[in-house]
N, C-alpha and C. Protein backbone atom coordinates (compact mmCIF):
# COMPACT_ATOMS: atom_id res chain seq x y z
N UNK A 1 75.65 83.10 116.70
CA UNK A 1 75.97 81.71 116.62
C UNK A 1 76.75 81.30 117.85
N UNK A 2 76.37 80.20 118.41
CA UNK A 2 76.99 79.71 119.63
C UNK A 2 78.09 78.72 119.26
N UNK A 3 79.30 78.91 119.94
CA UNK A 3 80.39 77.97 119.70
C UNK A 3 80.34 76.86 120.73
N UNK A 4 80.58 75.70 120.26
CA UNK A 4 80.58 74.52 121.12
C UNK A 4 82.03 74.22 121.48
N UNK A 5 82.33 74.09 122.80
CA UNK A 5 83.71 73.81 123.16
C UNK A 5 84.15 72.44 122.62
N UNK A 6 85.34 72.43 122.13
CA UNK A 6 85.89 71.16 121.63
C UNK A 6 86.67 70.49 122.75
N UNK A 7 86.99 69.25 122.50
CA UNK A 7 87.78 68.53 123.51
C UNK A 7 89.15 69.18 123.68
N UNK A 8 89.66 69.80 122.61
CA UNK A 8 90.96 70.48 122.68
C UNK A 8 90.89 71.68 123.62
N UNK A 9 89.84 72.50 123.51
CA UNK A 9 89.73 73.68 124.37
C UNK A 9 89.44 73.27 125.82
N UNK A 10 88.67 72.18 126.00
CA UNK A 10 88.43 71.69 127.36
C UNK A 10 89.75 71.20 127.99
N UNK A 11 90.58 70.56 127.21
CA UNK A 11 91.88 70.09 127.69
C UNK A 11 92.78 71.24 128.11
N UNK A 12 92.75 72.31 127.32
CA UNK A 12 93.55 73.49 127.66
C UNK A 12 93.03 74.13 128.95
N UNK A 13 91.72 74.18 129.09
CA UNK A 13 91.13 74.74 130.31
C UNK A 13 91.52 73.93 131.54
N UNK A 14 91.56 72.63 131.36
CA UNK A 14 91.97 71.75 132.47
C UNK A 14 93.43 72.00 132.85
N UNK A 15 94.28 72.18 131.84
CA UNK A 15 95.69 72.45 132.11
C UNK A 15 95.88 73.79 132.82
N UNK A 16 95.11 74.78 132.41
CA UNK A 16 95.18 76.09 133.06
C UNK A 16 94.76 75.96 134.52
N UNK A 17 93.68 75.23 134.77
CA UNK A 17 93.21 75.01 136.14
C UNK A 17 94.25 74.28 136.97
N UNK A 18 94.85 73.22 136.41
CA UNK A 18 95.89 72.47 137.13
C UNK A 18 97.10 73.36 137.42
N UNK A 19 97.47 74.21 136.48
CA UNK A 19 98.58 75.13 136.69
C UNK A 19 98.31 76.10 137.83
N UNK A 20 97.09 76.62 137.86
CA UNK A 20 96.72 77.53 138.94
C UNK A 20 96.74 76.82 140.29
N UNK A 21 96.23 75.61 140.32
CA UNK A 21 96.24 74.83 141.57
C UNK A 21 97.67 74.55 142.04
N UNK A 22 98.57 74.26 141.09
CA UNK A 22 99.97 74.01 141.45
C UNK A 22 100.59 75.26 142.05
N UNK A 23 100.26 76.43 141.51
CA UNK A 23 100.78 77.69 142.05
C UNK A 23 100.24 77.90 143.47
N UNK A 24 98.95 77.65 143.68
CA UNK A 24 98.35 77.82 145.00
C UNK A 24 99.00 76.87 146.01
N UNK A 25 99.14 75.59 145.64
CA UNK A 25 99.74 74.61 146.54
C UNK A 25 101.20 74.98 146.83
N UNK A 26 101.94 75.37 145.80
CA UNK A 26 103.33 75.79 145.99
C UNK A 26 103.44 76.98 146.92
N UNK A 27 102.51 77.94 146.76
CA UNK A 27 102.50 79.11 147.65
C UNK A 27 102.22 78.73 149.08
N UNK A 28 101.28 77.80 149.28
CA UNK A 28 100.97 77.36 150.65
C UNK A 28 102.16 76.63 151.28
N UNK A 29 102.84 75.81 150.50
CA UNK A 29 104.03 75.12 151.02
C UNK A 29 105.10 76.13 151.41
N UNK A 30 105.31 77.13 150.57
CA UNK A 30 106.31 78.17 150.88
C UNK A 30 105.93 78.94 152.15
N UNK A 31 104.67 79.32 152.27
CA UNK A 31 104.22 80.02 153.48
C UNK A 31 104.40 79.15 154.72
N UNK A 32 104.09 77.86 154.60
CA UNK A 32 104.26 76.94 155.72
C UNK A 32 105.72 76.83 156.13
N UNK A 33 106.61 76.75 155.16
CA UNK A 33 108.05 76.65 155.47
C UNK A 33 108.55 77.91 156.15
N UNK A 34 108.11 79.06 155.69
CA UNK A 34 108.51 80.33 156.32
C UNK A 34 107.99 80.40 157.74
N UNK A 35 106.72 80.05 157.93
CA UNK A 35 106.13 80.06 159.27
C UNK A 35 106.88 79.11 160.21
N UNK A 36 107.16 77.89 159.76
CA UNK A 36 107.86 76.91 160.60
C UNK A 36 109.23 77.41 160.99
N UNK A 37 109.95 78.01 160.06
CA UNK A 37 111.28 78.54 160.35
C UNK A 37 111.22 79.63 161.42
N UNK A 38 110.27 80.54 161.29
CA UNK A 38 110.13 81.62 162.27
C UNK A 38 109.67 81.07 163.63
N UNK A 39 108.79 80.10 163.62
CA UNK A 39 108.30 79.51 164.88
C UNK A 39 109.43 78.79 165.61
N UNK A 40 110.28 78.06 164.87
CA UNK A 40 111.41 77.37 165.50
C UNK A 40 112.39 78.37 166.11
N UNK A 41 112.65 79.46 165.40
CA UNK A 41 113.56 80.49 165.92
C UNK A 41 112.98 81.12 167.18
N UNK A 42 111.69 81.36 167.19
CA UNK A 42 111.02 81.92 168.36
C UNK A 42 111.08 80.96 169.54
N UNK A 43 110.82 79.67 169.29
CA UNK A 43 110.89 78.66 170.35
C UNK A 43 112.29 78.58 170.94
N UNK A 44 113.31 78.68 170.09
CA UNK A 44 114.69 78.61 170.57
C UNK A 44 115.00 79.76 171.52
N UNK A 45 114.42 80.94 171.27
CA UNK A 45 114.64 82.08 172.16
C UNK A 45 113.85 81.91 173.46
N UNK A 46 112.63 81.44 173.36
CA UNK A 46 111.76 81.31 174.53
C UNK A 46 112.16 80.12 175.41
N UNK A 47 112.59 79.03 174.77
CA UNK A 47 112.94 77.81 175.50
C UNK A 47 114.37 77.40 175.19
N UNK A 48 115.36 78.12 175.75
CA UNK A 48 116.76 77.75 175.48
C UNK A 48 117.10 76.41 176.12
N UNK A 49 118.08 75.71 175.58
CA UNK A 49 118.45 74.42 176.17
C UNK A 49 119.00 74.60 177.58
N UNK A 50 118.67 73.68 178.50
CA UNK A 50 119.18 73.80 179.86
C UNK A 50 120.67 73.47 179.96
N UNK A 51 121.18 72.73 179.00
CA UNK A 51 122.59 72.37 179.00
C UNK A 51 123.35 73.14 177.95
N UNK A 52 124.20 72.42 177.22
CA UNK A 52 124.96 73.08 176.16
C UNK A 52 124.89 72.24 174.89
N UNK A 53 125.11 72.91 173.77
CA UNK A 53 125.14 72.25 172.47
C UNK A 53 126.59 72.02 172.09
N UNK A 54 126.92 70.78 171.74
CA UNK A 54 128.30 70.39 171.45
C UNK A 54 128.39 69.87 170.02
N UNK A 55 129.35 70.40 169.26
CA UNK A 55 129.55 69.95 167.89
C UNK A 55 130.15 68.54 167.90
N UNK A 56 129.50 67.64 167.17
CA UNK A 56 129.98 66.25 167.10
C UNK A 56 130.34 65.86 165.67
N UNK A 57 130.69 66.87 164.87
CA UNK A 57 131.09 66.58 163.50
C UNK A 57 130.16 67.20 162.47
N UNK A 58 129.88 68.49 162.62
CA UNK A 58 129.03 69.17 161.66
C UNK A 58 127.60 69.36 162.11
N UNK A 59 127.23 68.82 163.22
CA UNK A 59 125.92 69.03 163.82
C UNK A 59 126.11 68.98 165.33
N UNK A 60 125.13 69.54 166.06
CA UNK A 60 125.29 69.68 167.51
C UNK A 60 124.30 68.79 168.27
N UNK A 61 124.80 68.24 169.38
CA UNK A 61 123.95 67.48 170.29
C UNK A 61 123.87 68.24 171.61
N UNK A 62 122.71 68.15 172.24
CA UNK A 62 122.48 68.81 173.52
C UNK A 62 122.83 67.85 174.65
N UNK A 63 123.61 68.36 175.63
CA UNK A 63 123.94 67.59 176.83
C UNK A 63 123.78 68.50 178.04
N UNK A 64 123.24 67.94 179.11
CA UNK A 64 123.01 68.70 180.34
C UNK A 64 123.58 67.90 181.50
N UNK A 65 124.65 68.39 182.11
CA UNK A 65 125.32 67.70 183.21
C UNK A 65 125.18 68.48 184.51
N UNK A 66 124.90 67.76 185.58
CA UNK A 66 124.83 68.35 186.92
C UNK A 66 125.52 67.41 187.89
N UNK A 67 125.83 67.93 189.06
CA UNK A 67 126.49 67.13 190.10
C UNK A 67 127.97 67.00 189.86
N UNK A 68 128.65 66.35 190.82
CA UNK A 68 130.09 66.12 190.72
C UNK A 68 130.41 64.72 191.18
N UNK A 69 131.58 64.28 190.81
CA UNK A 69 132.04 62.96 191.23
C UNK A 69 131.88 61.93 190.12
N UNK A 70 132.23 60.73 190.50
CA UNK A 70 132.18 59.65 189.52
C UNK A 70 131.65 58.38 190.15
N UNK A 71 131.28 57.43 189.36
CA UNK A 71 131.30 57.48 187.91
C UNK A 71 130.23 58.43 187.38
N UNK A 72 130.41 58.88 186.14
CA UNK A 72 129.43 59.76 185.52
C UNK A 72 128.27 58.91 185.01
N UNK A 73 127.07 59.25 185.45
CA UNK A 73 125.87 58.56 184.99
C UNK A 73 125.38 59.29 183.74
N UNK A 74 125.27 58.57 182.64
CA UNK A 74 124.80 59.13 181.38
C UNK A 74 123.43 58.52 181.09
N UNK A 75 122.43 59.39 181.04
CA UNK A 75 121.06 58.92 180.80
C UNK A 75 120.68 59.17 179.36
N UNK A 76 120.35 58.09 178.66
CA UNK A 76 119.91 58.13 177.27
C UNK A 76 118.39 57.99 177.26
N UNK A 77 117.70 59.08 176.91
CA UNK A 77 116.23 59.04 176.91
C UNK A 77 115.72 57.98 175.95
N UNK A 78 116.30 57.89 174.77
CA UNK A 78 115.91 56.87 173.80
C UNK A 78 114.47 56.96 173.36
N UNK A 79 114.09 56.11 172.45
CA UNK A 79 112.71 55.99 171.96
C UNK A 79 112.09 57.32 171.55
N UNK A 80 112.90 58.26 171.09
CA UNK A 80 112.38 59.55 170.64
C UNK A 80 112.09 60.54 171.75
N UNK A 81 112.39 60.17 173.00
CA UNK A 81 112.15 61.09 174.12
C UNK A 81 113.24 62.14 174.19
N UNK A 82 112.98 63.16 174.99
CA UNK A 82 113.93 64.24 175.22
C UNK A 82 114.59 64.04 176.58
N UNK A 83 115.70 64.73 176.77
CA UNK A 83 116.40 64.69 178.05
C UNK A 83 115.52 65.22 179.18
N UNK A 84 114.58 66.10 178.85
CA UNK A 84 113.72 66.68 179.89
C UNK A 84 112.83 65.63 180.56
N UNK A 85 112.69 64.47 179.94
CA UNK A 85 111.89 63.40 180.55
C UNK A 85 112.52 62.95 181.88
N UNK A 86 113.79 63.26 182.07
CA UNK A 86 114.52 62.84 183.27
C UNK A 86 114.72 63.99 184.26
N UNK A 87 114.01 65.08 184.08
CA UNK A 87 114.19 66.27 184.92
C UNK A 87 113.93 66.00 186.39
N UNK A 88 113.09 65.06 186.72
CA UNK A 88 112.80 64.75 188.13
C UNK A 88 113.80 63.75 188.71
N UNK A 89 114.49 63.00 187.87
CA UNK A 89 115.49 62.02 188.34
C UNK A 89 116.87 62.65 188.47
N UNK A 90 117.22 63.50 187.52
CA UNK A 90 118.57 64.06 187.47
C UNK A 90 119.00 64.75 188.77
N UNK A 91 118.19 65.59 189.38
CA UNK A 91 118.64 66.25 190.62
C UNK A 91 118.92 65.26 191.76
N UNK A 92 118.16 64.18 191.82
CA UNK A 92 118.39 63.18 192.87
C UNK A 92 119.71 62.45 192.66
N UNK A 93 120.01 62.06 191.43
CA UNK A 93 121.27 61.38 191.12
C UNK A 93 122.44 62.33 191.33
N UNK A 94 122.25 63.61 191.00
CA UNK A 94 123.31 64.61 191.12
C UNK A 94 123.74 64.85 192.57
N UNK A 95 122.94 64.39 193.52
CA UNK A 95 123.33 64.54 194.93
C UNK A 95 124.53 63.67 195.28
N UNK A 96 124.78 62.61 194.49
CA UNK A 96 125.86 61.70 194.83
C UNK A 96 126.94 61.57 193.75
N UNK A 97 126.67 62.00 192.53
CA UNK A 97 127.64 61.86 191.45
C UNK A 97 127.26 62.78 190.29
N UNK A 98 128.13 62.88 189.29
CA UNK A 98 127.79 63.66 188.10
C UNK A 98 126.81 62.85 187.25
N UNK A 99 125.80 63.53 186.74
CA UNK A 99 124.80 62.88 185.88
C UNK A 99 124.57 63.76 184.67
N UNK A 100 124.53 63.13 183.50
CA UNK A 100 124.34 63.85 182.25
C UNK A 100 123.18 63.23 181.48
N UNK A 101 122.28 64.08 181.04
CA UNK A 101 121.23 63.66 180.12
C UNK A 101 121.55 64.30 178.78
N UNK A 102 121.16 63.63 177.71
CA UNK A 102 121.41 64.22 176.39
C UNK A 102 120.26 63.88 175.45
N UNK A 103 120.18 64.66 174.39
CA UNK A 103 119.18 64.44 173.36
C UNK A 103 119.86 63.83 172.14
N UNK A 104 119.36 62.69 171.69
CA UNK A 104 119.88 62.10 170.47
C UNK A 104 119.65 63.05 169.30
N UNK A 105 120.43 62.86 168.24
CA UNK A 105 120.29 63.71 167.05
C UNK A 105 118.85 63.70 166.55
N UNK A 106 118.34 64.90 166.30
CA UNK A 106 116.98 65.04 165.80
C UNK A 106 115.92 65.12 166.88
N UNK A 107 116.30 64.97 168.14
CA UNK A 107 115.36 65.05 169.25
C UNK A 107 115.73 66.22 170.15
N UNK A 108 114.73 66.72 170.87
CA UNK A 108 114.98 67.78 171.84
C UNK A 108 115.66 68.98 171.21
N UNK A 109 116.74 69.42 171.84
CA UNK A 109 117.47 70.59 171.35
C UNK A 109 118.59 70.20 170.38
N UNK A 110 118.78 68.93 170.11
CA UNK A 110 119.86 68.48 169.22
C UNK A 110 119.48 68.67 167.76
N UNK A 111 120.51 68.95 166.95
CA UNK A 111 120.32 69.05 165.50
C UNK A 111 120.06 67.66 164.93
N UNK A 112 119.51 67.62 163.75
CA UNK A 112 119.34 66.35 163.04
C UNK A 112 120.72 65.82 162.66
N UNK A 113 120.88 64.51 162.70
CA UNK A 113 122.14 63.89 162.34
C UNK A 113 122.04 63.14 161.04
N UNK A 114 123.16 62.56 160.60
CA UNK A 114 123.18 61.85 159.32
C UNK A 114 122.37 60.55 159.38
N UNK A 115 121.90 60.16 158.22
CA UNK A 115 121.16 58.91 158.08
C UNK A 115 122.13 57.84 157.61
N UNK A 116 121.89 56.59 157.83
CA UNK A 116 120.76 56.05 158.59
C UNK A 116 121.00 56.15 160.09
N UNK A 117 119.93 56.18 160.85
CA UNK A 117 120.00 56.26 162.31
C UNK A 117 120.07 54.82 162.83
N UNK A 118 121.26 54.37 163.14
CA UNK A 118 121.48 53.00 163.60
C UNK A 118 122.08 53.01 165.00
N UNK A 119 122.10 51.86 165.64
CA UNK A 119 122.71 51.74 166.96
C UNK A 119 124.19 52.12 166.90
N UNK A 120 124.86 51.75 165.84
CA UNK A 120 126.28 52.11 165.68
C UNK A 120 126.43 53.63 165.61
N UNK A 121 125.53 54.30 164.87
CA UNK A 121 125.59 55.76 164.77
C UNK A 121 125.31 56.42 166.12
N UNK A 122 124.32 55.92 166.87
CA UNK A 122 124.03 56.46 168.20
C UNK A 122 125.24 56.33 169.11
N UNK A 123 125.88 55.17 169.11
CA UNK A 123 127.05 54.94 169.98
C UNK A 123 128.20 55.86 169.59
N UNK A 124 128.44 56.01 168.29
CA UNK A 124 129.51 56.89 167.82
C UNK A 124 129.24 58.33 168.26
N UNK A 125 127.99 58.78 168.12
CA UNK A 125 127.65 60.14 168.50
C UNK A 125 127.81 60.36 170.00
N UNK A 126 127.38 59.41 170.81
CA UNK A 126 127.51 59.55 172.27
C UNK A 126 128.98 59.59 172.66
N UNK A 127 129.78 58.72 172.09
CA UNK A 127 131.22 58.71 172.39
C UNK A 127 131.85 60.07 172.03
N UNK A 128 131.54 60.57 170.85
CA UNK A 128 132.07 61.86 170.42
C UNK A 128 131.57 62.99 171.32
N UNK A 129 130.29 62.95 171.67
CA UNK A 129 129.70 63.98 172.53
C UNK A 129 130.41 64.03 173.88
N UNK A 130 130.60 62.89 174.52
CA UNK A 130 131.26 62.86 175.83
C UNK A 130 132.70 63.36 175.73
N UNK A 131 133.39 62.98 174.65
CA UNK A 131 134.77 63.42 174.46
C UNK A 131 134.84 64.93 174.23
N UNK A 132 134.02 65.44 173.30
CA UNK A 132 134.06 66.86 172.96
C UNK A 132 133.56 67.75 174.10
N UNK A 133 132.67 67.23 174.94
CA UNK A 133 132.16 68.01 176.08
C UNK A 133 133.07 67.88 177.31
N UNK A 134 134.16 67.11 177.19
CA UNK A 134 135.11 66.90 178.29
C UNK A 134 134.44 66.31 179.52
N UNK A 135 133.61 65.30 179.32
CA UNK A 135 132.94 64.61 180.42
C UNK A 135 133.78 63.40 180.77
N UNK A 136 134.34 63.37 181.98
CA UNK A 136 135.25 62.27 182.33
C UNK A 136 134.51 60.97 182.61
N UNK A 137 135.16 59.85 182.29
CA UNK A 137 134.67 58.52 182.64
C UNK A 137 135.21 58.16 184.00
N UNK A 138 134.91 57.01 184.51
CA UNK A 138 134.10 55.97 183.87
C UNK A 138 132.62 56.39 183.83
N UNK A 139 131.87 55.68 182.97
CA UNK A 139 130.47 56.00 182.75
C UNK A 139 129.57 54.84 183.17
N UNK A 140 128.40 55.20 183.63
CA UNK A 140 127.31 54.24 183.83
C UNK A 140 126.20 54.71 182.89
N UNK A 141 125.88 53.88 181.90
CA UNK A 141 124.87 54.26 180.92
C UNK A 141 123.50 53.76 181.37
N UNK A 142 122.55 54.69 181.43
CA UNK A 142 121.17 54.35 181.75
C UNK A 142 120.37 54.52 180.49
N UNK A 143 119.82 53.42 179.99
CA UNK A 143 119.07 53.42 178.75
C UNK A 143 117.80 52.62 178.97
N UNK A 144 116.72 53.32 179.20
CA UNK A 144 115.45 52.67 179.52
C UNK A 144 114.70 52.37 178.24
N UNK A 145 114.33 51.14 178.08
CA UNK A 145 113.52 50.70 176.93
C UNK A 145 112.26 50.05 177.47
N UNK A 146 111.16 50.30 176.79
CA UNK A 146 109.93 49.63 177.20
C UNK A 146 109.65 48.50 176.22
N UNK A 147 109.20 47.40 176.74
CA UNK A 147 108.84 46.25 175.93
C UNK A 147 107.34 46.25 175.74
N UNK A 148 106.92 46.10 174.51
CA UNK A 148 105.48 46.09 174.23
C UNK A 148 104.94 44.68 174.28
């Protein structure tokens, strides 16, 4: 005699299938997180920051200063760019004065910072970074923005 599946047994089979899929997806997410962590650690060894990492209150920002004299030119890459975007400009400016490029929180070699990311937060972080890194003023801030 052949048994006919009931809607109850089909429902249980669906739940078992969904449970297995959840385990597979969870396993893939875990593997991805482990891989990303190891890849970031490897990148940090292969590509160390050209400057230094400075604690600005529980997280670190990257700053790279070259040259001597004043005023200190501080270049803010902005718009999600890294300090390395200025690698061809920095040596030229450093011929006449001190110049510092830095990575905003969450960009380049800098750690992620607290949310929300506002202009006030950026200014506070830059002020703290310059103070904690012992970078003397006066400052000339270079902040390039593109208009669309």
